[in-house]
Amino acid sequence: MKISILDASEYFRGLLLLVRKDHKLTEAESELMKRIGKTLGFEREFCENAIRDILENNYILDTPPVFASSELAMRFIKDGLTLATSDKEVAALEADWLRATSEKNGLNIEWFNQLWTNTKDTDGRLQADDLSINHS
């Protein structure tokens, strides 16, 4: 799947916002964000700076990203759940934000609810190798 620069930026920004929802940044989240940034074509230094600064950066608007296609939005939601569960727990704010992102992108809320239920059933053990963005 070809991803525009705008969509890639929204993808990375959206996942950064998701990371800061629980007001903590784990090593697992940081590593996943670096992998995602690389996959999206961003320079390592840019990604590291953005990840390091996200908890204190109040200038990034906390609005859910909107993508050019529903396929990319679905990949984002799946990767968001993988990222959110990388610390073995999903904060309610993270789930609510991903649900709002689903709605804003016109995705079927039942699809999201089923995905969320399946994620909860794994006890937060989604695998980093399952990132949707890596399977373009």
Protein backbone atom coordinates (compact mmCIF):
# COMPACT_ATOMS: atom_id res chain seq x y z
CA MET A 1 0.00 0.00 0.00
CA LYS A 2 1.39 3.39 -1.00
CA ILE A 3 1.06 5.93 1.81
CA SER A 4 1.18 9.67 1.13
CA ILE A 5 3.44 11.91 3.19
CA LEU A 6 0.35 13.48 4.78
CA ASP A 7 -1.09 10.10 5.77
CA ALA A 8 2.31 8.92 7.06
CA SER A 9 2.58 12.06 9.18
CA GLU A 10 -0.93 11.59 10.56
CA TYR A 11 -0.20 7.93 11.29
CA PHE A 12 2.92 8.74 13.28
CA ARG A 13 1.34 11.76 15.02
CA GLY A 14 -1.73 9.74 15.93
CA LEU A 15 0.29 6.96 17.47
CA LEU A 16 2.40 9.48 19.40
CA LEU A 17 -0.81 10.95 20.82
CA LEU A 18 -1.99 7.47 21.75
CA VAL A 19 1.28 6.81 23.59
CA ARG A 20 0.83 9.85 25.79
CA LYS A 21 -2.77 9.05 26.76
CA ASP A 22 -1.64 7.15 29.86
CA HIS A 23 1.04 9.76 30.68
CA LYS A 24 3.89 7.28 30.48
CA LEU A 25 6.25 6.04 27.79
CA THR A 26 7.58 2.51 28.11
CA GLU A 27 10.62 1.08 26.37
CA ALA A 28 8.36 -1.28 24.40
CA GLU A 29 6.27 1.66 23.15
CA SER A 30 9.39 3.60 22.23
CA GLU A 31 10.82 0.68 20.25
CA LEU A 32 7.54 0.11 18.40
CA MET A 33 7.31 3.81 17.54
CA LYS A 34 10.85 3.73 16.12
CA ARG A 35 9.96 0.72 13.96
CA ILE A 36 6.78 2.37 12.75
CA GLY A 37 8.60 5.63 12.03
CA LYS A 38 11.21 3.79 9.98
CA THR A 39 8.52 1.90 8.06
CA LEU A 40 6.79 5.21 7.30
CA GLY A 41 10.07 6.65 5.97
CA PHE A 42 10.97 9.05 8.76
CA GLU A 43 14.56 9.68 9.84
CA ARG A 44 15.61 7.92 13.03
CA GLU A 45 16.66 11.17 14.74
CA PHE A 46 13.29 12.79 13.98
CA CYS A 47 11.47 9.78 15.45
CA GLU A 48 13.65 9.65 18.55
CA ASN A 49 13.13 13.37 19.22
CA ALA A 50 9.36 13.15 18.68
CA ILE A 51 9.08 10.11 20.95
CA ARG A 52 11.24 11.66 23.66
CA ASP A 53 9.30 14.95 23.62
CA ILE A 54 5.72 13.70 23.26
CA LEU A 55 4.82 13.67 26.94
CA GLU A 56 5.70 17.35 27.36
CA ASN A 57 4.78 18.69 23.91
CA ASN A 58 1.53 20.60 24.33
CA TYR A 59 1.65 22.04 20.81
CA ILE A 60 0.49 18.87 19.08
CA LEU A 61 -3.28 18.97 18.70
CA ASP A 62 -4.91 16.02 20.41
CA THR A 63 -7.34 15.30 17.59
CA PRO A 64 -7.79 11.87 16.06
CA PRO A 65 -6.14 11.48 12.67
CA VAL A 66 -8.21 11.23 9.51
CA PHE A 67 -6.85 9.13 6.66
CA ALA A 68 -7.37 9.13 2.92
CA SER A 69 -8.68 5.56 2.96
CA SER A 70 -10.59 3.34 5.34
CA GLU A 71 -7.99 0.60 4.76
CA LEU A 72 -5.26 2.81 6.21
CA ALA A 73 -7.53 3.86 9.07
CA MET A 74 -8.13 0.19 9.90
CA ARG A 75 -4.39 -0.49 9.86
CA PHE A 76 -3.91 2.47 12.18
CA ILE A 77 -6.49 1.16 14.65
CA LYS A 78 -4.92 -2.30 14.64
CA ASP A 79 -1.43 -0.85 15.15
CA GLY A 80 -2.80 1.45 17.82
CA LEU A 81 -4.11 -1.54 19.75
CA THR A 82 -0.77 -3.32 19.35
CA LEU A 83 1.02 -0.23 20.63
CA ALA A 84 -1.46 0.30 23.46
CA THR A 85 -1.05 -3.31 24.64
CA SER A 86 2.74 -3.32 24.39
CA ASP A 87 2.90 -2.31 28.06
CA LYS A 88 0.53 -5.20 28.93
CA GLU A 89 -2.41 -2.93 29.71
CA VAL A 90 -4.73 -0.65 27.81
CA ALA A 91 -5.83 2.49 29.59
CA ALA A 92 -9.48 3.42 29.13
CA LEU A 93 -8.36 6.72 27.59
CA GLU A 94 -6.38 4.82 24.94
CA ALA A 95 -9.35 2.66 23.99
CA ASP A 96 -11.70 5.66 23.95
CA TRP A 97 -9.32 7.60 21.72
CA LEU A 98 -8.99 4.71 19.27
CA ARG A 99 -12.78 4.35 19.22
CA ALA A 100 -13.11 8.08 18.44
CA THR A 101 -10.53 7.69 15.67
CA SER A 102 -12.56 4.82 14.23
CA GLU A 103 -15.71 6.91 14.25
CA LYS A 104 -13.99 9.95 12.74
CA ASN A 105 -12.75 7.79 9.87
CA GLY A 106 -16.21 6.33 9.24
CA LEU A 107 -15.29 2.82 10.33
CA ASN A 108 -17.98 0.48 11.55
CA ILE A 109 -18.10 0.76 15.33
CA GLU A 110 -19.04 -2.93 15.58
CA TRP A 111 -15.77 -3.76 13.78
CA PHE A 112 -13.89 -1.72 16.36
CA ASN A 113 -15.78 -3.26 19.28
CA GLN A 114 -15.03 -6.78 18.01
CA LEU A 115 -11.35 -5.91 17.52
CA TRP A 116 -11.26 -4.41 21.02
CA THR A 117 -12.89 -7.52 22.51
CA ASN A 118 -10.39 -9.77 20.73
CA THR A 119 -7.55 -7.60 22.03
CA LYS A 120 -8.81 -7.82 25.60
CA ASP A 121 -9.07 -11.61 25.22
CA THR A 122 -5.33 -11.81 24.46
CA ASP A 123 -4.61 -10.24 27.86
CA GLY A 124 -2.62 -7.50 26.15
CA ARG A 125 -0.23 -9.82 24.38
CA LEU A 126 -0.45 -8.64 20.79
CA GLN A 127 2.81 -9.23 19.00
CA ALA A 128 4.93 -6.42 17.61
CA ASP A 129 5.45 -8.55 14.48
CA ASP A 130 1.73 -8.17 13.83
CA LEU A 131 2.00 -4.46 13.00
CA SER A 132 -0.35 -3.76 10.08
CA ILE A 133 1.86 -1.03 8.65
CA ASN A 134 4.64 -3.59 8.05
CA HIS A 135 2.39 -5.60 5.75
CA SER A 136 1.99 -3.11 2.93
